[in-house]
C-alpha atoms as a PDB file:
ATOM      1  CA  UNK A   1      62.192  82.002  94.613  1.00  0.00           C
ATOM      2  CA  UNK A   2      62.987  85.829  94.148  1.00  0.00           C
ATOM      3  CA  UNK A   3      65.834  85.690  96.842  1.00  0.00           C
ATOM      4  CA  UNK A   4      66.981  82.367  94.943  1.00  0.00           C
ATOM      5  CA  UNK A   5      67.172  84.046  91.487  1.00  0.00           C
ATOM      6  CA  UNK A   6      68.641  87.453  93.263  1.00  0.00           C
ATOM      7  CA  UNK A   7      71.657  85.233  94.676  1.00  0.00           C
ATOM      8  CA  UNK A   8      72.188  83.137  91.407  1.00  0.00           C
ATOM      9  CA  UNK A   9      72.377  86.529  89.335  1.00  0.00           C
ATOM     10  CA  UNK A  10      75.243  87.773  92.099  1.00  0.00           C
ATOM     11  CA  UNK A  11      77.058  84.826  92.084  1.00  0.00           C
ATOM     12  CA  UNK A  12      77.419  84.715  88.478  1.00  0.00           C
ATOM     13  CA  UNK A  13      78.009  88.083  88.150  1.00  0.00           C
ATOM     14  CA  UNK A  14      80.636  88.100  90.881  1.00  0.00           C
ATOM     15  CA  UNK A  15      82.197  84.432  89.257  1.00  0.00           C
ATOM     16  CA  UNK A  16      82.451  87.005  85.617  1.00  0.00           C
ATOM     17  CA  UNK A  17      84.610  89.808  86.791  1.00  0.00           C
ATOM     18  CA  UNK A  18      88.359  90.257  86.988  1.00  0.00           C
ATOM     19  CA  UNK A  19      90.500  88.654  89.825  1.00  0.00           C
ATOM     20  CA  UNK A  20      94.009  89.566  91.336  1.00  0.00           C
ATOM     21  CA  UNK A  21      95.866  87.990  93.634  1.00  0.00           C
ATOM     22  CA  UNK A  22      99.572  88.693  94.672  1.00  0.00           C
ATOM     23  CA  UNK A  23     102.325  85.625  95.538  1.00  0.00           C
ATOM     24  CA  UNK A  24     105.295  86.144  97.021  1.00  0.00           C
ATOM     25  CA  UNK A  25     107.938  84.418  94.630  1.00  0.00           C
ATOM     26  CA  UNK A  26     110.667  83.827  97.162  1.00  0.00           C
ATOM     27  CA  UNK A  27     113.773  81.818  96.001  1.00  0.00           C
ATOM     28  CA  UNK A  28     115.880  80.891  99.527  1.00  0.00           C
ATOM     29  CA  UNK A  29     116.475  84.419 102.001  1.00  0.00           C
ATOM     30  CA  UNK A  30     120.051  83.499 101.054  1.00  0.00           C
ATOM     31  CA  UNK A  31     119.531  84.228  97.759  1.00  0.00           C
ATOM     32  CA  UNK A  32     117.359  86.930  97.814  1.00  0.00           C
ATOM     33  CA  UNK A  33     119.321  88.956  99.905  1.00  0.00           C
ATOM     34  CA  UNK A  34     123.002  88.322  98.002  1.00  0.00           C
ATOM     35  CA  UNK A  35     124.453  91.552  95.971  1.00  0.00           C
ATOM     36  CA  UNK A  36     125.708  90.777  92.399  1.00  0.00           C
ATOM     37  CA  UNK A  37     128.750  88.885  91.678  1.00  0.00           C
ATOM     38  CA  UNK A  38     131.686  90.160  89.862  1.00  0.00           C
ATOM     39  CA  UNK A  39     132.505  86.432  88.389  1.00  0.00           C
ATOM     40  CA  UNK A  40     128.621  86.781  86.649  1.00  0.00           C
ATOM     41  CA  UNK A  41     129.125  89.358  83.412  1.00  0.00           C
ATOM     42  CA  UNK A  42     126.476  92.587  83.223  1.00  0.00           C
ATOM     43  CA  UNK A  43     125.433  91.119  79.713  1.00  0.00           C
ATOM     44  CA  UNK A  44     126.542  88.362  78.035  1.00  0.00           C
ATOM     45  CA  UNK A  45     125.151  86.565  74.468  1.00  0.00           C
ATOM     46  CA  UNK A  46     124.323  82.996  73.447  1.00  0.00           C
ATOM     47  CA  UNK A  47     124.957  82.606  69.467  1.00  0.00           C
ATOM     48  CA  UNK A  48     122.913  80.024  67.605  1.00  0.00           C
ATOM     49  CA  UNK A  49     121.156  79.466  64.199  1.00  0.00           C
ATOM     50  CA  UNK A  50     117.770  77.866  64.341  1.00  0.00           C
ATOM     51  CA  UNK A  51     117.544  74.479  63.650  1.00  0.00           C
ATOM     52  CA  UNK A  52     113.625  74.698  62.051  1.00  0.00           C
ATOM     53  CA  UNK A  53     110.871  76.916  62.565  1.00  0.00           C
ATOM     54  CA  UNK A  54     107.627  75.575  63.930  1.00  0.00           C
ATOM     55  CA  UNK A  55     104.044  77.563  63.437  1.00  0.00           C
ATOM     56  CA  UNK A  56     101.607  76.608  66.021  1.00  0.00           C
ATOM     57  CA  UNK A  57      97.683  76.867  65.103  1.00  0.00           C
ATOM     58  CA  UNK A  58      95.107  76.748  68.183  1.00  0.00           C
ATOM     59  CA  UNK A  59      91.422  76.667  67.364  1.00  0.00           C
ATOM     60  CA  UNK A  60      88.677  77.672  69.053  1.00  0.00           C
ATOM     61  CA  UNK A  61      88.615  77.272  72.776  1.00  0.00           C
ATOM     62  CA  UNK A  62      91.951  75.872  72.948  1.00  0.00           C
ATOM     63  CA  UNK A  63      94.035  76.948  75.979  1.00  0.00           C
ATOM     64  CA  UNK A  64      96.954  79.049  74.868  1.00  0.00           C
ATOM     65  CA  UNK A  65      99.183  78.045  77.782  1.00  0.00           C
ATOM     66  CA  UNK A  66      98.441  73.805  77.440  1.00  0.00           C
ATOM     67  CA  UNK A  67      98.635  73.802  74.180  1.00  0.00           C
ATOM     68  CA  UNK A  68     101.958  75.390  74.241  1.00  0.00           C
ATOM     69  CA  UNK A  69     103.201  73.035  76.565  1.00  0.00           C
ATOM     70  CA  UNK A  70     101.490  69.851  74.767  1.00  0.00           C
ATOM     71  CA  UNK A  71     103.630  70.943  71.378  1.00  0.00           C
ATOM     72  CA  UNK A  72     106.546  72.005  72.877  1.00  0.00           C
ATOM     73  CA  UNK A  73     106.752  68.116  74.378  1.00  0.00           C
ATOM     74  CA  UNK A  74     105.288  66.651  71.031  1.00  0.00           C
ATOM     75  CA  UNK A  75     108.031  68.597  69.076  1.00  0.00           C
ATOM     76  CA  UNK A  76     110.501  67.784  71.275  1.00  0.00           C
ATOM     77  CA  UNK A  77     111.670  71.450  71.487  1.00  0.00           C
ATOM     78  CA  UNK A  78     114.510  72.025  73.968  1.00  0.00           C
ATOM     79  CA  UNK A  79     115.058  75.783  73.481  1.00  0.00           C
ATOM     80  CA  UNK A  80     113.399  77.688  71.458  1.00  0.00           C
ATOM     81  CA  UNK A  81     112.643  81.740  71.108  1.00  0.00           C
ATOM     82  CA  UNK A  82     109.059  82.325  70.761  1.00  0.00           C
ATOM     83  CA  UNK A  83     109.524  84.720  67.646  1.00  0.00           C
ATOM     84  CA  UNK A  84     105.339  86.146  67.123  1.00  0.00           C
ATOM     85  CA  UNK A  85     101.945  85.178  67.934  1.00  0.00           C
ATOM     86  CA  UNK A  86      98.569  86.645  67.068  1.00  0.00           C
ATOM     87  CA  UNK A  87      94.696  85.506  67.130  1.00  0.00           C
ATOM     88  CA  UNK A  88      92.513  86.523  70.084  1.00  0.00           C
ATOM     89  CA  UNK A  89      91.357  84.788  73.441  1.00  0.00           C
ATOM     90  CA  UNK A  90      87.659  84.414  74.880  1.00  0.00           C
ATOM     91  CA  UNK A  91      88.717  85.064  78.240  1.00  0.00           C
ATOM     92  CA  UNK A  92      92.558  85.781  79.510  1.00  0.00           C
ATOM     93  CA  UNK A  93      94.694  84.995  82.888  1.00  0.00           C
ATOM     94  CA  UNK A  94      98.266  86.617  82.797  1.00  0.00           C
ATOM     95  CA  UNK A  95     100.799  87.205  85.716  1.00  0.00           C
ATOM     96  CA  UNK A  96     103.713  90.204  86.257  1.00  0.00           C
ATOM     97  CA  UNK A  97     105.859  91.073  88.355  1.00  0.00           C
ATOM     98  CA  UNK A  98     104.122  93.751  91.178  1.00  0.00           C
ATOM     99  CA  UNK A  99     107.345  95.031  93.067  1.00  0.00           C
ATOM    100  CA  UNK A 100     110.993  96.082  92.718  1.00  0.00           C
ATOM    101  CA  UNK A 101     112.613  94.684  96.109  1.00  0.00           C
ATOM    102  CA  UNK A 102     113.685  90.856  96.639  1.00  0.00           C
ATOM    103  CA  UNK A 103     111.878  88.563  97.024  1.00  0.00           C
ATOM    104  CA  UNK A 104     109.792  88.907  94.375  1.00  0.00           C
ATOM    105  CA  UNK A 105     106.165  89.640  93.569  1.00  0.00           C
ATOM    106  CA  UNK A 106     103.812  88.668  91.012  1.00  0.00           C
ATOM    107  CA  UNK A 107     100.176  89.810  90.702  1.00  0.00           C
ATOM    108  CA  UNK A 108      98.013  87.407  88.989  1.00  0.00           C
ATOM    109  CA  UNK A 109      95.272  88.882  86.592  1.00  0.00           C
ATOM    110  CA  UNK A 110      92.458  86.771  84.756  1.00  0.00           C
ATOM    111  CA  UNK A 111      88.983  87.999  83.371  1.00  0.00           C
ATOM    112  CA  UNK A 112      86.947  85.048  82.591  1.00  0.00           C
ATOM    113  CA  UNK A 113      84.607  87.431  80.897  1.00  0.00           C
ATOM    114  CA  UNK A 114      86.918  89.874  78.744  1.00  0.00           C
ATOM    115  CA  UNK A 115      87.485  89.062  74.906  1.00  0.00           C
ATOM    116  CA  UNK A 116      90.486  90.442  74.210  1.00  0.00           C
ATOM    117  CA  UNK A 117      93.177  90.501  70.657  1.00  0.00           C
ATOM    118  CA  UNK A 118      96.523  88.672  70.955  1.00  0.00           C
ATOM    119  CA  UNK A 119      98.876  91.468  69.532  1.00  0.00           C
ATOM    120  CA  UNK A 120     102.102  90.148  70.107  1.00  0.00           C
ATOM    121  CA  UNK A 121     103.877  86.455  72.245  1.00  0.00           C
ATOM    122  CA  UNK A 122     107.435  86.568  73.319  1.00  0.00           C
ATOM    123  CA  UNK A 123     109.716  84.467  75.282  1.00  0.00           C
ATOM    124  CA  UNK A 124     111.925  81.757  75.516  1.00  0.00           C
ATOM    125  CA  UNK A 125     111.402  77.982  75.623  1.00  0.00           C
ATOM    126  CA  UNK A 126     114.362  77.008  78.281  1.00  0.00           C
ATOM    127  CA  UNK A 127     115.406  73.298  78.380  1.00  0.00           C
ATOM    128  CA  UNK A 128     111.847  72.092  77.595  1.00  0.00           C
ATOM    129  CA  UNK A 129     109.989  74.661  79.924  1.00  0.00           C
ATOM    130  CA  UNK A 130     107.896  77.559  78.804  1.00  0.00           C
ATOM    131  CA  UNK A 131     108.626  81.147  79.160  1.00  0.00           C
ATOM    132  CA  UNK A 132     105.848  82.999  77.411  1.00  0.00           C
ATOM    133  CA  UNK A 133     104.660  86.167  77.422  1.00  0.00           C
ATOM    134  CA  UNK A 134     101.743  87.897  75.600  1.00  0.00           C
ATOM    135  CA  UNK A 135     100.257  91.582  75.293  1.00  0.00           C
ATOM    136  CA  UNK A 136      96.685  91.572  74.859  1.00  0.00           C
ATOM    137  CA  UNK A 137      94.519  94.847  73.511  1.00  0.00           C
ATOM    138  CA  UNK A 138      90.526  95.046  74.344  1.00  0.00           C
ATOM    139  CA  UNK A 139      90.393  98.139  72.133  1.00  0.00           C
ATOM    140  CA  UNK A 140      90.117 100.494  75.488  1.00  0.00           C
ATOM    141  CA  UNK A 141      94.150  99.307  76.430  1.00  0.00           C
ATOM    142  CA  UNK A 142      96.694  97.295  76.267  1.00  0.00           C
ATOM    143  CA  UNK A 143      98.502  94.920  78.558  1.00  0.00           C
ATOM    144  CA  UNK A 144     100.456  91.794  79.201  1.00  0.00           C
ATOM    145  CA  UNK A 145     102.129  89.348  81.137  1.00  0.00           C
ATOM    146  CA  UNK A 146     103.382  85.731  81.415  1.00  0.00           C
ATOM    147  CA  UNK A 147     101.097  83.622  80.080  1.00  0.00           C
ATOM    148  CA  UNK A 148      98.780  81.773  82.440  1.00  0.00           C
ATOM    149  CA  UNK A 149      96.283  79.008  82.080  1.00  0.00           C
ATOM    150  CA  UNK A 150      92.654  80.214  80.997  1.00  0.00           C
ATOM    151  CA  UNK A 151      93.575  81.763  77.756  1.00  0.00           C
ATOM    152  CA  UNK A 152      90.836  80.184  76.030  1.00  0.00           C
ATOM    153  CA  UNK A 153      91.064  80.987  72.091  1.00  0.00           C
ATOM    154  CA  UNK A 154      88.459  82.664  70.473  1.00  0.00           C
ATOM    155  CA  UNK A 155      88.756  82.832  66.447  1.00  0.00           C
ATOM    156  CA  UNK A 156      92.251  81.204  66.282  1.00  0.00           C
ATOM    157  CA  UNK A 157      95.385  81.791  67.513  1.00  0.00           C
ATOM    158  CA  UNK A 158      99.155  81.245  65.694  1.00  0.00           C
ATOM    159  CA  UNK A 159     102.151  81.669  67.603  1.00  0.00           C
ATOM    160  CA  UNK A 160     105.814  80.860  65.811  1.00  0.00           C
ATOM    161  CA  UNK A 161     108.878  79.847  67.832  1.00  0.00           C
ATOM    162  CA  UNK A 162     112.367  79.556  66.162  1.00  0.00           C
ATOM    163  CA  UNK A 163     113.918  75.909  67.716  1.00  0.00           C
ATOM    164  CA  UNK A 164     117.871  76.344  68.402  1.00  0.00           C
ATOM    165  CA  UNK A 165     120.268  73.997  67.698  1.00  0.00           C
ATOM    166  CA  UNK A 166     121.606  71.691  69.861  1.00  0.00           C
ATOM    167  CA  UNK A 167     124.096  73.212  72.215  1.00  0.00           C
ATOM    168  CA  UNK A 168     122.852  76.886  72.907  1.00  0.00           C
ATOM    169  CA  UNK A 169     122.638  76.702  76.603  1.00  0.00           C
ATOM    170  CA  UNK A 170     119.791  78.923  78.100  1.00  0.00           C
ATOM    171  CA  UNK A 171     120.010  77.639  81.066  1.00  0.00           C
ATOM    172  CA  UNK A 172     120.857  81.054  83.424  1.00  0.00           C
ATOM    173  CA  UNK A 173     118.237  83.205  81.141  1.00  0.00           C
ATOM    174  CA  UNK A 174     115.444  83.521  83.661  1.00  0.00           C
ATOM    175  CA  UNK A 175     117.268  82.502  86.749  1.00  0.00           C
ATOM    176  CA  UNK A 176     116.684  85.521  89.017  1.00  0.00           C
ATOM    177  CA  UNK A 177     120.124  84.517  91.271  1.00  0.00           C
ATOM    178  CA  UNK A 178     122.286  84.454  88.476  1.00  0.00           C
ATOM    179  CA  UNK A 179     123.368  88.034  89.536  1.00  0.00           C
END
Protein backbone atom coordinates (compact mmCIF):
# COMPACT_ATOMS: atom_id res chain seq x y z
CA UNK A 1 0.00 0.00 0.00
CA UNK A 2 2.84 2.38 0.88
CA UNK A 3 4.43 1.81 -2.55
CA UNK A 4 1.11 2.51 -4.30
CA UNK A 5 0.70 5.81 -2.42
CA UNK A 6 4.32 6.78 -3.16
CA UNK A 7 3.83 5.95 -6.85
CA UNK A 8 0.64 8.04 -7.03
CA UNK A 9 2.38 10.99 -5.33
CA UNK A 10 5.33 10.78 -7.72
CA UNK A 11 2.98 10.56 -10.73
CA UNK A 12 1.01 13.59 -9.53
CA UNK A 13 4.22 15.57 -8.95
CA UNK A 14 5.56 14.65 -12.40
CA UNK A 15 2.26 15.68 -13.99
CA UNK A 16 2.39 19.13 -12.40
CA UNK A 17 5.93 19.97 -13.51
CA UNK A 18 6.93 22.26 -16.32
CA UNK A 19 7.59 20.44 -19.59
CA UNK A 20 9.58 21.44 -22.67
CA UNK A 21 10.01 19.92 -26.10
CA UNK A 22 11.55 21.21 -29.31
CA UNK A 23 10.09 20.83 -32.79
CA UNK A 24 11.78 21.53 -36.14
CA UNK A 25 9.49 23.76 -38.20
CA UNK A 26 10.87 23.16 -41.68
CA UNK A 27 9.15 24.44 -44.79
CA UNK A 28 10.95 22.70 -47.65
CA UNK A 29 14.72 22.25 -47.96
CA UNK A 30 14.60 24.54 -51.01
CA UNK A 31 12.69 27.32 -49.17
CA UNK A 32 14.83 26.97 -46.05
CA UNK A 33 18.03 27.27 -48.11
CA UNK A 34 17.02 30.22 -50.28
CA UNK A 35 18.62 33.61 -49.80
CA UNK A 36 16.85 36.96 -49.67
CA UNK A 37 15.34 38.12 -52.95
CA UNK A 38 15.94 41.62 -54.32
CA UNK A 39 12.26 41.67 -55.37
CA UNK A 40 11.11 41.47 -51.75
CA UNK A 41 11.47 44.83 -49.97
CA UNK A 42 13.42 44.96 -46.70
CA UNK A 43 10.33 46.50 -45.12
CA UNK A 44 6.92 47.50 -46.44
CA UNK A 45 3.82 49.23 -45.09
CA UNK A 46 0.19 48.18 -45.09
CA UNK A 47 -2.08 51.18 -44.74
CA UNK A 48 -5.63 50.92 -43.56
CA UNK A 49 -8.09 51.77 -40.86
CA UNK A 50 -9.91 49.82 -38.23
CA UNK A 51 -13.45 49.00 -39.28
CA UNK A 52 -14.34 48.19 -35.67
CA UNK A 53 -12.84 47.33 -32.32
CA UNK A 54 -13.83 44.07 -30.61
CA UNK A 55 -13.25 43.56 -26.88
CA UNK A 56 -13.35 39.94 -25.74
CA UNK A 57 -13.81 38.90 -22.11
CA UNK A 58 -12.93 35.38 -21.00
CA UNK A 59 -14.26 33.77 -17.83
CA UNK A 60 -12.66 31.42 -15.30
CA UNK A 61 -11.37 28.11 -16.75
CA UNK A 62 -11.79 29.18 -20.40
CA UNK A 63 -8.97 28.14 -22.74
CA UNK A 64 -7.51 31.36 -24.13
CA UNK A 65 -6.56 29.99 -27.57
CA UNK A 66 -9.85 28.13 -28.12
CA UNK A 67 -11.82 31.21 -27.04
CA UNK A 68 -9.88 33.51 -29.37
CA UNK A 69 -10.27 31.17 -32.33
CA UNK A 70 -13.99 30.73 -31.63
CA UNK A 71 -14.63 34.48 -31.47
CA UNK A 72 -12.54 35.21 -34.59
CA UNK A 73 -14.79 32.79 -36.46
CA UNK A 74 -18.05 33.97 -34.85
CA UNK A 75 -17.21 37.64 -35.36
CA UNK A 76 -16.15 36.93 -38.98
CA UNK A 77 -12.76 38.57 -38.45
CA UNK A 78 -10.49 38.23 -41.47
CA UNK A 79 -7.60 40.60 -40.68
CA UNK A 80 -7.02 42.24 -37.31
CA UNK A 81 -4.42 43.52 -34.89
CA UNK A 82 -4.38 42.21 -31.32
CA UNK A 83 -4.05 45.51 -29.51
CA UNK A 84 -3.89 44.56 -25.85
CA UNK A 85 -4.70 41.94 -23.29
CA UNK A 86 -4.72 41.58 -19.51
CA UNK A 87 -5.87 39.04 -16.94
CA UNK A 88 -4.51 35.90 -15.37
CA UNK A 89 -4.13 32.20 -16.10
CA UNK A 90 -4.21 29.17 -13.80
CA UNK A 91 -1.68 27.37 -16.00
CA UNK A 92 0.15 28.36 -19.15
CA UNK A 93 1.44 27.01 -22.46
CA UNK A 94 3.57 28.88 -25.03
CA UNK A 95 6.09 28.27 -27.78
CA UNK A 96 8.94 30.39 -29.07
CA UNK A 97 11.73 30.18 -31.61
CA UNK A 98 14.77 28.32 -30.28
CA UNK A 99 17.45 28.72 -32.95
CA UNK A 100 18.72 31.29 -35.47
CA UNK A 101 19.34 29.30 -38.66
CA UNK A 102 16.96 27.55 -41.06
CA UNK A 103 15.17 25.26 -40.65
CA UNK A 104 13.59 27.08 -37.73
CA UNK A 105 12.91 25.29 -34.46
CA UNK A 106 10.31 26.01 -31.81
CA UNK A 107 10.47 25.14 -28.14
CA UNK A 108 7.09 24.36 -26.55
CA UNK A 109 6.91 25.06 -22.82
CA UNK A 110 3.97 24.49 -20.51
CA UNK A 111 3.39 24.53 -16.80
CA UNK A 112 0.12 22.94 -15.67
CA UNK A 113 0.45 24.18 -12.09
CA UNK A 114 1.98 27.67 -12.27
CA UNK A 115 -0.43 30.63 -12.28
CA UNK A 116 0.61 33.84 -14.00
CA UNK A 117 -0.64 37.33 -14.76
CA UNK A 118 -1.16 38.27 -18.40
CA UNK A 119 0.66 41.57 -18.82
CA UNK A 120 0.35 41.85 -22.57
CA UNK A 121 -1.22 40.24 -25.64
CA UNK A 122 -0.36 41.18 -29.20
CA UNK A 123 -0.28 39.70 -32.66
CA UNK A 124 -2.44 39.46 -35.74
CA UNK A 125 -5.35 37.71 -37.34
CA UNK A 126 -4.20 36.93 -40.88
CA UNK A 127 -6.88 35.74 -43.32
CA UNK A 128 -8.88 34.42 -40.35
CA UNK A 129 -5.89 32.65 -38.76
CA UNK A 130 -4.63 33.73 -35.35
CA UNK A 131 -0.94 34.55 -34.83
CA UNK A 132 -1.07 35.58 -31.18
CA UNK A 133 1.62 36.22 -28.59
CA UNK A 134 1.45 37.01 -24.90
CA UNK A 135 3.71 38.11 -22.09
CA UNK A 136 3.20 36.59 -18.65
CA UNK A 137 4.64 37.23 -15.20
CA UNK A 138 4.78 35.09 -12.09
CA UNK A 139 6.16 37.90 -9.94
CA UNK A 140 9.63 36.37 -10.11
CA UNK A 141 10.00 36.43 -13.88
CA UNK A 142 8.42 37.72 -17.07
CA UNK A 143 8.33 35.53 -20.17
CA UNK A 144 6.24 34.98 -23.24
CA UNK A 145 5.73 33.47 -26.65
CA UNK A 146 3.06 32.24 -29.03
CA UNK A 147 -0.27 31.46 -27.38
CA UNK A 148 -0.86 27.71 -27.27
CA UNK A 149 -3.75 25.54 -26.09
CA UNK A 150 -3.65 25.05 -22.34
CA UNK A 151 -3.73 28.65 -21.11
CA UNK A 152 -6.63 28.30 -18.70
CA UNK A 153 -8.05 31.63 -17.51
CA UNK A 154 -8.03 32.28 -13.76
CA UNK A 155 -9.72 35.51 -12.64
CA UNK A 156 -10.62 36.75 -16.13
CA UNK A 157 -8.91 37.78 -19.36
CA UNK A 158 -9.68 40.69 -21.67
CA UNK A 159 -8.28 40.92 -25.21
CA UNK A 160 -8.92 43.81 -27.60
CA UNK A 161 -8.76 43.42 -31.39
CA UNK A 162 -8.72 46.15 -34.01
CA UNK A 163 -10.49 44.67 -37.03
CA UNK A 164 -9.15 46.01 -40.32
CA UNK A 165 -11.27 47.32 -43.16
CA UNK A 166 -11.77 44.97 -46.08
CA UNK A 167 -8.89 45.17 -48.53
CA UNK A 168 -6.02 45.05 -46.01
CA UNK A 169 -3.63 42.37 -47.26
CA UNK A 170 -1.90 40.66 -44.33
CA UNK A 171 -1.12 37.49 -46.34
CA UNK A 172 2.70 37.80 -46.26
CA UNK A 173 3.11 39.17 -42.72
CA UNK A 174 4.17 35.92 -41.07
CA UNK A 175 5.37 34.01 -44.17
CA UNK A 176 8.98 33.12 -43.35
CA UNK A 177 9.66 32.19 -47.00
CA UNK A 178 8.79 35.72 -48.19
CA UNK A 179 12.33 37.04 -48.11
